[in-house]
């Protein structure tokens, strides 16, 4: 049955559009995106109550608490691990092993950051490694720009491989009931090829900077602040990997795995101060997610996204392969121009409106790939990129050397080729293995109230 556009739908769509514009232009008006999202969610709730398509209970149920709790618990775990000094030891060991070989340093740092990005979100990994990369490069007397860019670009790319490696993945998996193993099986191989393509592209782009030997040497040795707690943290992470792998079998949500990991680590670290641990949890990001879910939940309640979806369904039904490739490239372009999290939040219910798992399955993989690879295209494509740009600007200011700042144009110059190369690789893999990615998942059941299952 054809859905007709109503006044409530139209107003909810306008609120969504205005809020997204406010989120994307936060640098112009000075209000952080979490504040804008909160305002948008509040206006959506009041409007929804006025028109009868939304209420406080619906707003609460619209929040995917699986995503919120998992991110919060992982942030707390990372906060504990940072206190041990283990990350500094890891980075200094990489600096020594590279022995001044620049590409070796880039490859080792990129592998370490990517390895962490498989379990931790990209922002956390670059926050940890960004300052350490600058420290190593200063000792070697080389420019940190190639290595900072590599850390962000490789973590953005590698994080797409797992359900918990990138917030959009978790949003997609949680909404459609895709478990950890299924995500890795479908995304692991294609992301590995894209990651190798990223590293190769970086070597070509930075061939001039990587061709000359380092002037300095890195022999610094940093001791653990709390080695026993670091070892316990590694044990807990390994346990969490096992539980993530079997979480579908034991009927656990991913947030329960991260919650159990946090509980075990808190008890293993007897002297931990929970106040200090929770200070490192990015409440601003969690509030942004909660507000965003409430905002999109209101638009979904008004059926505006279903209204838009009915125009897409005929094209998807007529040529699913082409629709999948187009979605991946459009998602990439949109994620390069704006942040990939709001775009993912808006696309999930549109894909859900299609209703048929045979049509939804390849579109979900395309969405995950597009928003993940597209985040590399510009400095605002992902939050990790913004952080790297920020610390490079701070470094340029502290040293009085403006060439050390990663400007938007400089990022575009290096990041856009990486984005295009990875998208071409993904397009080729999707084409060659279309039957595998198009095979409908029996587990796909869209649940807008994901917190309830």
Protein backbone atom coordinates (compact mmCIF):
# COMPACT_ATOMS: atom_id res chain seq x y z
CA UNK A 1 0.00 0.00 0.00
CA UNK A 2 1.36 3.38 -0.99
CA UNK A 3 2.21 5.70 1.90
CA UNK A 4 0.96 9.26 1.52
CA UNK A 5 2.96 12.22 2.77
CA UNK A 6 1.38 13.84 5.82
CA UNK A 7 2.08 17.11 7.63
CA UNK A 8 3.61 15.21 10.57
CA UNK A 9 5.98 13.34 8.23
CA UNK A 10 7.04 16.54 6.53
CA UNK A 11 7.75 18.36 9.80
CA UNK A 12 9.70 15.37 11.21
CA UNK A 13 11.78 15.32 8.01
CA UNK A 14 12.48 19.05 8.33
CA UNK A 15 13.56 18.63 11.98
CA UNK A 16 15.88 15.79 10.95
CA UNK A 17 17.38 17.82 8.10
CA UNK A 18 17.89 20.96 10.20
CA UNK A 19 19.46 18.95 13.02
CA UNK A 20 21.83 17.15 10.65
CA UNK A 21 22.87 20.47 9.10
CA UNK A 22 23.55 21.77 12.62
CA UNK A 23 25.63 18.68 13.41
CA UNK A 24 27.66 18.95 10.22
CA UNK A 25 28.34 22.70 10.64
CA UNK A 26 29.36 22.63 14.31
CA UNK A 27 32.65 24.38 13.50
CA UNK A 28 30.72 27.34 12.05
CA UNK A 29 28.21 28.02 14.84
CA UNK A 30 30.35 26.78 17.75
CA UNK A 31 27.81 24.39 19.31
CA UNK A 32 29.09 20.84 19.78
CA UNK A 33 27.20 18.23 17.79
CA UNK A 34 25.97 16.54 20.98
CA UNK A 35 24.18 19.75 21.98
CA UNK A 36 22.63 20.07 18.54
CA UNK A 37 21.50 16.44 18.63
CA UNK A 38 19.96 16.95 22.09
CA UNK A 39 18.01 19.96 20.82
CA UNK A 40 16.85 18.06 17.75
CA UNK A 41 15.71 15.09 19.86
CA UNK A 42 13.81 17.38 22.22
CA UNK A 43 12.05 19.22 19.39
CA UNK A 44 11.25 15.89 17.70
CA UNK A 45 9.68 14.52 20.90
CA UNK A 46 7.50 17.59 21.46
CA UNK A 47 6.46 17.65 17.79
CA UNK A 48 5.76 13.91 17.79
CA UNK A 49 3.54 14.23 20.87
CA UNK A 50 1.65 17.08 19.20
CA UNK A 51 0.99 15.05 16.03
CA UNK A 52 0.52 11.73 17.82
CA UNK A 53 3.38 9.75 16.24
CA UNK A 54 5.89 9.84 19.14
CA UNK A 55 5.91 9.82 22.94
CA UNK A 56 8.49 9.59 25.79
CA UNK A 57 8.16 5.80 25.96
CA UNK A 58 8.77 5.57 22.21
CA UNK A 59 11.81 7.85 22.52
CA UNK A 60 13.29 5.66 25.26
CA UNK A 61 12.65 2.49 23.22
CA UNK A 62 14.19 4.10 20.11
CA UNK A 63 17.60 4.22 21.82
CA UNK A 64 19.76 1.21 20.98
CA UNK A 65 21.12 0.69 24.47
CA UNK A 66 23.26 -2.19 23.20
CA UNK A 67 25.39 0.37 21.32
CA UNK A 68 25.47 2.87 24.20
CA UNK A 69 26.42 0.37 26.92
CA UNK A 70 29.01 -1.40 24.77
CA UNK A 71 30.78 1.85 23.91
CA UNK A 72 30.64 3.04 27.52
CA UNK A 73 32.09 -0.20 28.90
CA UNK A 74 34.85 -0.32 26.27
CA UNK A 75 35.80 3.30 27.06
CA UNK A 76 36.10 2.39 30.76
CA UNK A 77 38.25 -0.66 29.95
CA UNK A 78 40.56 1.48 27.81
CA UNK A 79 40.75 4.06 30.61
CA UNK A 80 42.04 1.35 32.94
CA UNK A 81 44.56 0.10 30.35
CA UNK A 82 45.92 3.62 29.73
CA UNK A 83 46.80 3.92 33.43
CA UNK A 84 49.13 0.89 33.20
CA UNK A 85 51.50 2.53 30.69
CA UNK A 86 51.30 -0.54 28.46
CA UNK A 87 50.45 1.42 25.33
CA UNK A 88 53.55 3.59 25.77
CA UNK A 89 55.71 0.48 26.09
CA UNK A 90 54.12 -0.98 22.95
CA UNK A 91 54.77 2.20 20.95
CA UNK A 92 58.38 2.56 22.10
CA UNK A 93 59.07 -1.08 21.22
CA UNK A 94 57.75 -0.37 17.72
CA UNK A 95 60.02 2.68 17.51
CA UNK A 96 63.08 0.60 18.43
CA UNK A 97 62.21 -2.36 16.16
CA UNK A 98 61.85 -0.08 13.12
CA UNK A 99 65.48 1.09 13.57
CA UNK A 100 64.81 4.28 11.63
CA UNK A 101 63.30 2.49 8.61
CA UNK A 102 60.43 4.80 7.79
CA UNK A 103 58.09 2.50 5.93
CA UNK A 104 58.69 -0.24 8.51
CA UNK A 105 57.71 2.25 11.21
CA UNK A 106 54.55 3.18 9.29
CA UNK A 107 53.61 -0.48 8.73
CA UNK A 108 54.23 -1.47 12.37
CA UNK A 109 52.35 1.52 13.81
CA UNK A 110 49.52 0.97 11.33
CA UNK A 111 49.28 -2.71 12.27
CA UNK A 112 49.23 -1.94 15.99
CA UNK A 113 46.56 0.75 15.64
CA UNK A 114 44.47 -1.46 13.36
CA UNK A 115 44.77 -4.42 15.72
CA UNK A 116 43.35 -2.31 18.53
CA UNK A 117 40.67 -0.93 16.21
CA UNK A 118 39.25 -4.41 15.76
CA UNK A 119 38.02 -4.31 19.37
CA UNK A 120 38.19 -0.64 20.36
CA UNK A 121 36.65 2.24 18.46
CA UNK A 122 38.91 4.22 16.10
CA UNK A 123 38.79 7.39 18.17
CA UNK A 124 40.19 5.63 21.22
CA UNK A 125 43.07 4.08 19.28
CA UNK A 126 44.24 7.34 17.71
CA UNK A 127 43.83 9.20 21.01
CA UNK A 128 46.21 6.65 22.54
CA UNK A 129 48.72 6.48 19.68
CA UNK A 130 48.62 10.04 18.27
CA UNK A 131 50.85 11.65 20.95
CA UNK A 132 53.12 8.58 20.99
CA UNK A 133 53.66 8.82 17.22
CA UNK A 134 54.72 12.46 17.59
CA UNK A 135 57.15 11.49 20.37
CA UNK A 136 58.76 8.76 18.23
CA UNK A 137 59.01 11.01 15.14
CA UNK A 138 60.60 13.81 17.14
CA UNK A 139 63.27 11.39 18.39
CA UNK A 140 63.90 10.17 14.83
CA UNK A 141 63.88 13.81 13.58
CA UNK A 142 61.29 13.08 10.88
CA UNK A 143 57.96 14.68 10.04
CA UNK A 144 55.07 12.97 11.85
CA UNK A 145 52.48 13.81 9.16
CA UNK A 146 52.70 10.53 7.17
CA UNK A 147 52.48 8.47 10.36
CA UNK A 148 49.60 10.43 11.89
CA UNK A 149 47.67 10.14 8.63
CA UNK A 150 48.49 6.44 8.39
CA UNK A 151 47.25 5.83 11.94
CA UNK A 152 43.87 7.42 11.20
CA UNK A 153 43.43 6.01 7.68
CA UNK A 154 44.46 2.45 8.60
CA UNK A 155 42.35 2.40 11.78
CA UNK A 156 39.32 3.75 9.88
CA UNK A 157 39.78 1.02 7.27
CA UNK A 158 40.62 -1.86 9.60
CA UNK A 159 37.84 -1.08 12.06
CA UNK A 160 35.24 -2.01 9.42
CA UNK A 161 36.22 -5.69 9.76
CA UNK A 162 34.43 -6.42 13.05
CA UNK A 163 31.07 -5.78 14.64
CA UNK A 164 32.64 -3.73 17.46
CA UNK A 165 35.44 -2.09 15.48
CA UNK A 166 33.44 0.92 14.28
CA UNK A 167 30.25 2.48 15.75
CA UNK A 168 28.32 2.27 12.43
CA UNK A 169 29.01 -1.50 12.33
CA UNK A 170 27.59 -1.91 15.80
CA UNK A 171 24.54 0.17 14.87
CA UNK A 172 23.90 -1.99 11.79
CA UNK A 173 24.57 -5.29 13.54
CA UNK A 174 22.49 -4.44 16.58
CA UNK A 175 19.50 -3.21 14.55
CA UNK A 176 19.41 -6.28 12.29
CA UNK A 177 20.63 -8.99 14.66
CA UNK A 178 23.95 -9.67 12.88
CA UNK A 179 26.36 -11.45 15.23
CA UNK A 180 30.13 -11.01 15.61
CA UNK A 181 31.12 -14.08 13.60
CA UNK A 182 28.81 -13.34 10.68
CA UNK A 183 30.19 -9.81 10.47
CA UNK A 184 33.82 -10.94 10.51
CA UNK A 185 33.21 -13.69 7.93
CA UNK A 186 31.69 -11.21 5.48
CA UNK A 187 33.84 -8.17 6.21
CA UNK A 188 37.21 -9.66 7.25
CA UNK A 189 38.55 -10.65 3.83
CA UNK A 190 37.37 -7.61 1.91
CA UNK A 191 38.65 -5.25 4.62
CA UNK A 192 42.05 -6.99 4.70
CA UNK A 193 42.43 -6.33 0.96
CA UNK A 194 41.29 -2.72 1.43
CA UNK A 195 43.76 -2.32 4.34
CA UNK A 196 46.64 -3.60 2.21
CA UNK A 197 45.49 -1.25 -0.55
CA UNK A 198 45.55 1.63 1.94
CA UNK A 199 49.10 0.81 3.10
CA UNK A 200 50.30 0.47 -0.50
CA UNK A 201 48.69 3.77 -1.49
CA UNK A 202 50.31 5.51 1.47
CA UNK A 203 53.70 4.16 0.46
CA UNK A 204 53.23 5.55 -3.07
CA UNK A 205 51.86 8.92 -1.90
CA UNK A 206 54.63 9.41 0.69
CA UNK A 207 57.43 7.84 -1.38
CA UNK A 208 59.49 11.05 -1.15
CA UNK A 209 59.17 11.34 2.64
CA UNK A 210 59.82 7.61 3.15
CA UNK A 211 62.82 7.39 0.80
CA UNK A 212 65.30 9.33 2.94
CA UNK A 213 66.83 7.79 6.09
CA UNK A 214 65.91 9.12 9.53
CA UNK A 215 68.42 11.56 10.98
CA UNK A 216 67.86 10.58 14.60
CA UNK A 217 67.53 7.31 16.50
CA UNK A 218 64.98 5.98 18.94
CA UNK A 219 66.40 4.12 21.89
CA UNK A 220 64.04 5.31 24.62
CA UNK A 221 62.89 2.73 27.11
CA UNK A 222 59.70 3.36 29.04
CA UNK A 223 58.74 1.19 31.98
CA UNK A 224 55.23 -0.03 32.77
CA UNK A 225 53.39 1.97 35.41
CA UNK A 226 51.50 -1.17 36.45
CA UNK A 227 52.60 -4.26 34.51
CA UNK A 228 50.46 -6.78 36.47
CA UNK A 229 47.31 -4.78 35.66
CA UNK A 230 48.35 -4.52 32.00
CA UNK A 231 48.73 -8.31 31.83
CA UNK A 232 45.34 -8.74 33.48
CA UNK A 233 43.85 -6.30 30.95
CA UNK A 234 45.26 -8.35 28.05
CA UNK A 235 43.77 -11.49 29.60
CA UNK A 236 40.36 -9.80 29.87
CA UNK A 237 40.53 -8.61 26.25
CA UNK A 238 41.33 -12.15 25.07
CA UNK A 239 38.43 -13.48 27.12
CA UNK A 240 36.16 -10.87 25.53
CA UNK A 241 37.30 -11.93 22.04
CA UNK A 242 36.23 -15.51 22.85
CA UNK A 243 32.88 -14.31 24.19
CA UNK A 244 32.32 -12.05 21.17
CA UNK A 245 32.91 -15.05 18.92
CA UNK A 246 30.35 -17.20 20.77
CA UNK A 247 27.92 -14.47 21.87
CA UNK A 248 25.34 -15.59 19.30
CA UNK A 249 25.51 -19.18 20.55
CA UNK A 250 25.12 -18.26 24.22
CA UNK A 251 22.49 -15.59 23.37
CA UNK A 252 24.42 -12.67 24.84
CA UNK A 253 24.28 -9.16 23.46
CA UNK A 254 27.71 -7.59 22.73
CA UNK A 255 27.22 -5.05 25.54
CA UNK A 256 26.99 -7.94 28.04
CA UNK A 257 30.42 -9.15 26.90
CA UNK A 258 31.98 -5.71 27.38
CA UNK A 259 30.13 -5.27 30.68
CA UNK A 260 31.44 -8.59 32.01
CA UNK A 261 34.95 -7.65 30.87
CA UNK A 262 34.74 -4.36 32.76
CA UNK A 263 33.43 -6.05 35.92
CA UNK A 264 36.22 -8.66 35.89
CA UNK A 265 38.91 -6.01 35.27
CA UNK A 266 37.60 -3.78 38.07
CA UNK A 267 37.88 -6.65 40.54
CA UNK A 268 41.29 -7.75 39.24
CA UNK A 269 42.59 -4.21 39.73
CA UNK A 270 41.85 -3.91 43.45
CA UNK A 271 43.35 -0.45 43.83
CA UNK A 272 41.44 1.09 40.92
CA UNK A 273 39.54 4.30 41.66
CA UNK A 274 36.24 4.08 39.76
CA UNK A 275 35.86 7.87 39.80
CA UNK A 276 39.15 8.21 37.91
CA UNK A 277 38.16 5.43 35.50
CA UNK A 278 34.79 6.99 34.69
CA UNK A 279 36.34 10.43 34.13
CA UNK A 280 37.82 9.06 30.88
CA UNK A 281 34.45 7.82 29.58
CA UNK A 282 33.33 10.21 26.82
CA UNK A 283 29.86 11.05 28.09
CA UNK A 284 29.52 13.66 25.36
CA UNK A 285 29.75 10.93 22.70
CA UNK A 286 27.29 8.67 24.51
CA UNK A 287 24.81 11.56 24.85
CA UNK A 288 25.24 12.22 21.13
CA UNK A 289 24.32 8.61 20.35
CA UNK A 290 21.31 8.62 22.67
CA UNK A 291 20.01 11.89 21.21
CA UNK A 292 20.61 10.69 17.66
CA UNK A 293 18.66 7.48 18.25
CA UNK A 294 15.77 9.47 19.71
CA UNK A 295 15.83 11.89 16.78
CA UNK A 296 15.78 9.17 14.11
CA UNK A 297 13.26 7.18 16.15
CA UNK A 298 10.84 10.10 15.86
CA UNK A 299 11.25 10.32 12.10
CA UNK A 300 10.73 6.58 11.89
CA UNK A 301 7.61 6.87 14.06
CA UNK A 302 6.16 9.44 11.65
CA UNK A 303 6.74 6.92 8.78
CA UNK A 304 8.66 9.56 6.81
CA UNK A 305 11.59 7.19 6.21
CA UNK A 306 9.19 4.48 5.02
CA UNK A 307 7.70 7.08 2.69
CA UNK A 308 11.18 7.73 1.23
CA UNK A 309 11.92 4.01 1.12
CA UNK A 310 8.99 3.22 -1.17
CA UNK A 311 10.68 5.22 -3.94
CA UNK A 312 13.92 3.25 -3.52
CA UNK A 313 12.41 -0.25 -3.41
CA UNK A 314 11.51 -0.47 -7.15
CA UNK A 315 15.11 0.32 -8.15
CA UNK A 316 16.51 -2.17 -5.64
CA UNK A 317 14.15 -4.87 -6.87
CA UNK A 318 14.99 -4.24 -10.53
CA UNK A 319 18.81 -4.27 -10.15
CA UNK A 320 20.04 -5.28 -6.70
CA UNK A 321 23.71 -5.51 -7.72
CA UNK A 322 23.82 -1.98 -9.13
CA UNK A 323 21.81 -0.63 -6.19
CA UNK A 324 24.35 -2.20 -3.81
CA UNK A 325 27.36 -0.63 -5.55
CA UNK A 326 25.63 2.76 -5.80
CA UNK A 327 24.72 2.68 -2.10
CA UNK A 328 28.33 1.91 -1.14
CA UNK A 329 29.73 4.80 -3.21
CA UNK A 330 26.99 7.24 -2.13
CA UNK A 331 27.50 6.24 1.51
CA UNK A 332 31.24 6.85 1.08
CA UNK A 333 30.77 10.30 -0.47
CA UNK A 334 28.23 11.29 2.19
CA UNK A 335 30.47 10.01 5.00
CA UNK A 336 33.39 11.99 3.58
CA UNK A 337 31.29 15.14 3.48
CA UNK A 338 29.65 14.58 6.87
CA UNK A 339 30.13 12.30 9.86
CA UNK A 340 29.35 8.65 9.13
CA UNK A 341 27.35 8.02 12.33
CA UNK A 342 24.33 10.27 11.56
CA UNK A 343 24.23 9.01 7.96
CA UNK A 344 24.19 5.40 9.18
CA UNK A 345 21.45 6.18 11.69
CA UNK A 346 19.27 7.63 8.92
CA UNK A 347 19.92 4.82 6.42
CA UNK A 348 19.17 1.88 8.75
CA UNK A 349 15.38 2.41 8.90
CA UNK A 350 15.26 3.15 5.16
CA UNK A 351 16.87 -0.21 4.40
CA UNK A 352 14.59 -1.79 7.01
CA UNK A 353 11.54 -0.45 5.16
CA UNK A 354 12.44 -2.72 2.21
CA UNK A 355 11.40 -5.65 4.36
CA UNK A 356 12.87 -8.52 2.31
CA UNK A 357 16.11 -10.04 3.76
CA UNK A 358 17.14 -11.08 0.23
CA UNK A 359 17.24 -7.40 -0.75
CA UNK A 360 18.45 -6.04 2.59
CA UNK A 361 21.50 -8.28 3.11
CA UNK A 362 23.85 -6.93 0.38
CA UNK A 363 22.70 -3.37 1.10
CA UNK A 364 23.76 -3.72 4.74
CA UNK A 365 27.26 -4.89 3.74
CA UNK A 366 27.46 -2.03 1.24
CA UNK A 367 26.42 0.48 3.91
CA UNK A 368 29.07 -0.77 6.35
CA UNK A 369 31.79 -0.65 3.69
CA UNK A 370 30.72 2.72 2.32
CA UNK A 371 30.58 4.62 5.61
CA UNK A 372 33.81 2.95 6.79
CA UNK A 373 35.92 3.60 3.70
CA UNK A 374 34.30 6.97 3.01
CA UNK A 375 35.41 8.29 6.38
CA UNK A 376 38.97 8.44 4.99
CA UNK A 377 38.11 10.99 2.32
CA UNK A 378 38.15 14.18 4.39
CA UNK A 379 39.31 15.41 7.78
CA UNK A 380 35.71 15.42 9.07
CA UNK A 381 34.83 11.97 7.70
CA UNK A 382 35.33 10.39 11.12
CA UNK A 383 35.96 11.61 14.66
CA UNK A 384 39.38 9.91 14.60
CA UNK A 385 40.37 12.14 11.67
CA UNK A 386 39.30 15.27 13.54
CA UNK A 387 41.47 14.30 16.51
CA UNK A 388 44.54 13.71 14.34
CA UNK A 389 44.07 17.09 12.67
CA UNK A 390 43.69 18.74 16.09
CA UNK A 391 46.92 17.35 17.55
CA UNK A 392 48.84 18.20 14.35
CA UNK A 393 47.61 21.81 14.60
CA UNK A 394 48.66 21.92 18.23
CA UNK A 395 52.09 20.56 17.29
CA UNK A 396 52.47 23.19 14.55
CA UNK A 397 51.59 25.92 17.03
CA UNK A 398 53.95 24.63 19.74
CA UNK A 399 56.90 24.23 17.35
CA UNK A 400 56.19 27.34 15.27
CA UNK A 401 56.28 25.20 12.12
CA UNK A 402 53.01 25.60 10.15
CA UNK A 403 53.99 22.76 7.77
CA UNK A 404 53.31 20.27 10.58
CA UNK A 405 49.61 21.13 10.59
CA UNK A 406 47.35 18.75 8.64
CA UNK A 407 45.04 21.21 6.89
CA UNK A 408 41.72 20.12 5.32
CA UNK A 409 43.32 20.48 1.87
CA UNK A 410 46.32 18.37 2.89
CA UNK A 411 44.03 15.66 4.24
CA UNK A 412 41.96 15.75 1.04
CA UNK A 413 45.15 15.36 -0.99
CA UNK A 414 46.20 12.19 0.84
CA UNK A 415 42.90 10.79 2.13
CA UNK A 416 40.83 11.00 -1.06
CA UNK A 417 43.15 8.67 -3.08
CA UNK A 418 43.00 6.16 -0.22
CA UNK A 419 39.19 6.35 -0.17
CA UNK A 420 38.95 5.81 -3.94
CA UNK A 421 41.44 2.91 -3.95
CA UNK A 422 39.61 1.10 -1.13
CA UNK A 423 36.21 1.62 -2.77
CA UNK A 424 37.53 0.24 -6.08
CA UNK A 425 38.90 -2.81 -4.23
CA UNK A 426 35.57 -3.32 -2.44
CA UNK A 427 33.66 -2.94 -5.72
CA UNK A 428 35.83 -5.59 -7.39
CA UNK A 429 35.43 -8.01 -4.46
CA UNK A 430 31.66 -7.48 -4.34
CA UNK A 431 31.49 -8.16 -8.08
CA UNK A 432 33.62 -11.31 -7.95
CA UNK A 433 31.91 -12.72 -4.86
CA UNK A 434 28.43 -11.32 -5.42
CA UNK A 435 26.64 -14.59 -4.61
CA UNK A 436 28.35 -14.73 -1.22
CA UNK A 437 27.44 -11.17 -0.23
CA UNK A 438 23.94 -11.38 -1.76
CA UNK A 439 23.10 -14.58 0.09
CA UNK A 440 20.30 -13.53 2.47
CA UNK A 441 20.97 -13.88 6.18
CA UNK A 442 18.25 -15.77 8.03
CA UNK A 443 19.20 -13.84 11.17
CA UNK A 444 18.17 -10.48 9.69
CA UNK A 445 15.15 -9.25 11.60
CA UNK A 446 14.99 -5.50 11.96
CA UNK A 447 14.32 -4.48 15.55
CA UNK A 448 13.92 -0.73 16.01
CA UNK A 449 13.78 -1.34 19.76
CA UNK A 450 17.09 -3.21 19.83
CA UNK A 451 17.47 -2.56 23.54
CA UNK A 452 14.59 -4.85 24.20
CA UNK A 453 15.97 -8.11 22.87
